[in-house]
Amino acid sequence: MALLTVAVLLTAFMAYRTADRDSADRDAGEPAPGVEEESTDAPATAGNDDGGAAVTPDDDEPGVDGPAPDPSATPPPDRPEPPPPTPPVPVTIEPDAPVEDVLETWLAVSDQSLTDPSNLDETGLERLATGSALEQLRSTAAEYDIAGLRQQGRHEIVSLETAADGPDEVSVDACLDRRDVRLLHSDGSPVLVRDLDDRALRTFVLRRSPTGWQVAELRFPEPDAC
């Protein structure tokens, strides 16, 4: 009888120790039997590395906003402001002015018109030119205005050779120096064009009108060297 009592007590003690150990294990974070273990690894998201930690961009690597500015770096030079348009050339030519004076004034007025193509002096232009010469300048000015272009510099007359084509018409072969003439964008940057000779020959046809001589036609001889 005593032996049976000891066996029952020993069995009860072992069951108690087993239950106590299982309870301690659950408190330590181990899953209870029959319960699926929950994953603690978070999925990687956009902008994170493979381990799920947020990726901090390197300041030396360009990104959406570019690299961080260096306060000690020298800023890029500003593009120079384009010079303001020159004021209109006053047309003070007299009705009896010689052909050479009319042509020289026309060249000055036409050059000035292309420095500010949106503001043509129509009164001065119509006093000095007519026909295709006038329409050609108007067309060129309109093209410059639309494209945001303008001329800088003026043509200089190197020499003139005049030939009479009749009592009211003359032709003038003019050698023009154009080395100071440039074509610019509206921001002042140059328009890339092919290399041109410093001088060029042009033929101007002038006709007499009630108000004096007028440039009526511009021709481009070939070759145009002078």
Protein backbone atom coordinates (compact mmCIF):
# COMPACT_ATOMS: atom_id res chain seq x y z
CA MET A 1 0.00 0.00 0.00
CA ALA A 2 2.79 2.39 0.87
CA LEU A 3 4.54 1.56 -2.41
CA LEU A 4 1.44 2.43 -4.42
CA THR A 5 1.11 5.75 -2.64
CA VAL A 6 4.71 6.69 -3.49
CA ALA A 7 4.17 5.85 -7.18
CA VAL A 8 1.09 8.10 -7.41
CA LEU A 9 2.90 11.03 -5.79
CA LEU A 10 5.90 10.64 -8.11
CA THR A 11 3.66 10.61 -11.19
CA ALA A 12 1.84 13.79 -10.05
CA PHE A 13 5.15 15.57 -9.38
CA MET A 14 6.52 14.78 -12.89
CA ALA A 15 3.28 16.04 -14.56
CA TYR A 16 3.53 19.29 -12.60
CA ARG A 17 7.16 19.87 -13.65
CA THR A 18 6.27 19.27 -17.32
CA ALA A 19 3.36 21.75 -17.25
CA ASP A 20 5.51 24.37 -15.47
CA ARG A 21 8.27 24.06 -18.09
CA ASP A 22 5.79 24.46 -21.00
CA SER A 23 4.36 27.59 -19.39
CA ALA A 24 7.84 29.12 -19.01
CA ASP A 25 8.67 28.38 -22.63
CA ARG A 26 5.51 30.14 -23.86
CA ASP A 27 6.31 33.19 -21.74
CA ALA A 28 9.78 33.30 -23.34
CA GLY A 29 8.24 33.71 -26.82
CA GLU A 30 8.17 30.17 -28.12
CA PRO A 31 4.88 29.22 -29.81
CA ALA A 32 2.52 26.89 -28.11
CA PRO A 33 2.11 23.46 -29.68
CA GLY A 34 -0.30 23.55 -32.66
CA VAL A 35 0.04 27.35 -33.19
CA GLU A 36 1.78 28.48 -36.44
CA GLU A 37 4.81 30.66 -35.82
CA GLU A 38 4.35 34.24 -37.10
CA SER A 39 7.11 35.63 -39.33
CA THR A 40 9.00 38.64 -38.03
CA ASP A 41 10.68 39.52 -41.37
CA ALA A 42 8.97 42.54 -43.00
CA PRO A 43 8.87 42.51 -46.81
CA ALA A 44 11.26 44.88 -48.62
CA THR A 45 9.55 47.92 -50.11
CA ALA A 46 10.52 50.46 -52.78
CA GLY A 47 13.41 52.53 -51.55
CA ASN A 48 14.59 49.85 -49.12
CA ASP A 49 17.45 47.41 -49.37
CA ASP A 50 16.99 43.63 -49.39
CA GLY A 51 17.05 43.49 -45.59
CA GLY A 52 14.11 45.85 -45.23
CA ALA A 53 16.19 48.73 -43.82
CA ALA A 54 15.56 52.15 -45.40
CA VAL A 55 18.26 53.14 -47.90
CA THR A 56 19.79 56.58 -47.35
CA PRO A 57 20.96 58.13 -50.65
CA ASP A 58 24.62 59.02 -50.88
CA ASP A 59 25.17 62.76 -51.30
CA ASP A 60 27.83 62.04 -53.91
CA GLU A 61 25.42 60.14 -56.14
CA PRO A 62 23.05 62.12 -58.36
CA GLY A 63 19.39 61.40 -57.82
CA VAL A 64 16.12 63.04 -58.68
CA ASP A 65 17.22 66.29 -57.11
CA GLY A 66 20.88 65.92 -58.02
CA PRO A 67 23.84 65.93 -55.64
CA ALA A 68 23.86 68.15 -52.61
CA PRO A 69 25.25 71.61 -53.44
CA ASP A 70 28.78 72.35 -52.38
CA PRO A 71 28.80 75.79 -50.72
CA SER A 72 32.51 76.16 -51.47
CA ALA A 73 32.09 75.56 -55.22
CA THR A 74 32.39 78.50 -57.60
CA PRO A 75 29.02 79.24 -59.26
CA PRO A 76 28.93 79.11 -63.08
CA PRO A 77 29.33 82.49 -64.75
CA ASP A 78 26.13 84.19 -65.79
CA ARG A 79 25.51 84.58 -69.51
CA PRO A 80 26.15 88.22 -70.46
CA GLU A 81 23.08 90.28 -71.07
CA PRO A 82 22.56 91.17 -74.74
CA PRO A 83 23.19 94.84 -75.53
CA PRO A 84 20.04 96.95 -75.89
CA PRO A 85 18.86 97.77 -79.42
CA THR A 86 20.38 100.92 -80.87
CA PRO A 87 18.02 103.86 -81.36
CA PRO A 88 16.59 104.40 -84.85
CA VAL A 89 18.74 106.28 -87.33
CA PRO A 90 17.01 109.55 -88.13
CA VAL A 91 16.20 109.87 -91.83
CA THR A 92 17.16 113.41 -92.78
CA ILE A 93 17.96 112.82 -96.43
CA GLU A 94 17.09 115.69 -98.75
CA PRO A 95 15.10 115.21 -101.97
CA ASP A 96 18.10 116.29 -104.05
CA ALA A 97 20.63 114.15 -102.13
CA PRO A 98 23.08 112.23 -104.35
CA VAL A 99 22.77 108.49 -104.93
CA GLU A 100 25.74 107.68 -102.67
CA ASP A 101 24.22 109.49 -99.68
CA VAL A 102 20.86 107.78 -100.14
CA LEU A 103 22.49 104.35 -100.33
CA GLU A 104 24.63 104.97 -97.25
CA THR A 105 21.59 106.10 -95.25
CA TRP A 106 19.58 103.09 -96.45
CA LEU A 107 22.28 100.67 -95.30
CA ALA A 108 22.36 102.31 -91.86
CA VAL A 109 18.57 102.22 -91.51
CA SER A 110 18.24 98.63 -92.72
CA ASP A 111 20.99 97.43 -90.34
CA GLN A 112 19.33 99.23 -87.45
CA SER A 113 15.94 97.73 -88.37
CA LEU A 114 17.32 94.20 -87.97
CA THR A 115 18.71 94.97 -84.50
CA ASP A 116 15.12 95.54 -83.36
CA PRO A 117 13.02 93.71 -85.99
CA SER A 118 9.75 94.11 -84.09
CA ASN A 119 9.92 97.91 -84.25
CA LEU A 120 10.44 98.99 -87.85
CA ASP A 121 10.50 102.66 -88.79
CA GLU A 122 8.07 102.32 -91.70
CA THR A 123 8.12 106.05 -92.51
CA GLY A 124 11.88 106.12 -92.83
CA LEU A 125 11.99 102.87 -94.77
CA GLU A 126 9.38 104.01 -97.28
CA ARG A 127 11.25 107.26 -97.82
CA LEU A 128 14.46 105.43 -98.70
CA ALA A 129 13.29 102.26 -100.48
CA THR A 130 10.56 100.82 -102.65
CA GLY A 131 9.72 97.67 -104.61
CA SER A 132 11.51 94.40 -103.88
CA ALA A 133 14.23 96.05 -101.75
CA LEU A 134 11.64 97.31 -99.25
CA GLU A 135 9.67 94.04 -99.23
CA GLN A 136 12.84 92.00 -98.77
CA LEU A 137 13.81 93.95 -95.65
CA ARG A 138 10.29 93.68 -94.22
CA SER A 139 10.28 89.91 -94.83
CA THR A 140 13.70 89.44 -93.23
CA ALA A 141 12.67 91.50 -90.18
CA ALA A 142 9.49 89.43 -89.78
CA GLU A 143 11.47 86.17 -89.95
CA TYR A 144 13.94 87.44 -87.35
CA ASP A 145 11.13 88.55 -85.07
CA ILE A 146 9.36 85.18 -85.23
CA ALA A 147 12.58 83.22 -84.69
CA GLY A 148 13.80 85.48 -81.86
CA LEU A 149 16.85 86.61 -83.83
CA ARG A 150 18.47 89.97 -84.27
CA GLN A 151 21.47 91.49 -85.94
CA GLN A 152 24.40 93.10 -84.18
CA GLY A 153 26.81 95.43 -85.94
CA ARG A 154 26.61 97.33 -89.21
CA HIS A 155 27.92 97.08 -92.73
CA GLU A 156 30.56 99.57 -93.77
CA ILE A 157 30.96 100.79 -97.35
CA VAL A 158 34.48 100.18 -98.60
CA SER A 159 33.99 101.40 -102.17
CA LEU A 160 31.23 102.34 -104.63
CA GLU A 161 31.03 102.16 -108.41
CA THR A 162 28.03 103.82 -110.03
CA ALA A 163 26.67 103.20 -113.53
CA ALA A 164 23.70 105.03 -115.06
CA ASP A 165 20.99 102.76 -116.50
CA GLY A 166 18.88 105.69 -117.69
CA PRO A 167 17.87 109.19 -116.62
CA ASP A 168 15.95 107.90 -113.59
CA GLU A 169 17.77 104.68 -112.73
CA VAL A 170 21.31 103.86 -111.62
CA SER A 171 23.15 100.73 -110.50
CA VAL A 172 25.69 100.88 -107.73
CA ASP A 173 28.23 98.12 -107.08
CA ALA A 174 29.08 98.44 -103.40
CA CYS A 175 31.87 96.58 -101.63
CA LEU A 176 30.67 96.08 -98.07
CA ASP A 177 32.73 95.23 -95.00
CA ARG A 178 30.65 92.90 -92.79
CA ARG A 179 33.24 91.64 -90.31
CA ASP A 180 31.43 93.31 -87.37
CA VAL A 181 27.99 91.95 -88.29
CA ARG A 182 26.70 89.09 -86.12
CA LEU A 183 23.41 87.21 -85.91
CA LEU A 184 22.27 86.61 -82.33
CA HIS A 185 19.54 84.79 -80.44
CA SER A 186 17.28 86.87 -78.21
CA ASP A 187 19.41 85.95 -75.17
CA GLY A 188 22.55 87.28 -76.83
CA SER A 189 24.12 83.94 -77.77
CA PRO A 190 25.51 83.79 -81.32
CA VAL A 191 23.86 81.87 -84.13
CA LEU A 192 26.32 79.44 -85.64
CA VAL A 193 26.71 80.11 -89.35
CA ARG A 194 29.25 79.13 -91.95
CA ASP A 195 32.38 81.22 -92.25
CA LEU A 196 31.90 84.25 -94.48
CA ASP A 197 34.43 86.52 -96.09
CA ASP A 198 34.91 89.86 -94.39
CA ARG A 199 33.84 91.67 -97.54
CA ALA A 200 31.08 91.09 -100.08
CA LEU A 201 29.96 92.75 -103.30
CA ARG A 202 26.33 93.86 -103.61
CA THR A 203 24.56 95.65 -106.46
CA PHE A 204 21.88 98.20 -105.56
CA VAL A 205 19.46 99.57 -108.13
CA LEU A 206 18.13 103.03 -107.28
CA ARG A 207 15.26 104.81 -109.02
CA ARG A 208 14.26 108.45 -108.91
CA SER A 209 10.91 109.33 -107.32
CA PRO A 210 9.14 112.63 -106.48
CA THR A 211 10.81 112.52 -103.04
CA GLY A 212 14.31 111.73 -104.37
CA TRP A 213 16.34 108.59 -105.08
CA GLN A 214 15.10 105.30 -103.58
CA VAL A 215 16.67 101.85 -103.36
CA ALA A 216 14.44 99.63 -105.49
CA GLU A 217 16.36 96.36 -105.87
CA LEU A 218 19.22 94.43 -104.31
CA ARG A 219 21.25 91.96 -106.37
CA PHE A 220 23.86 89.39 -105.31
CA PRO A 221 26.64 89.07 -107.93
CA GLU A 222 28.54 85.80 -108.31
CA PRO A 223 31.33 85.72 -107.38
CA ASP A 224 30.81 88.32 -104.68
CA ALA A 225 34.44 88.89 -103.69
CA CYS A 226 35.65 92.49 -103.60
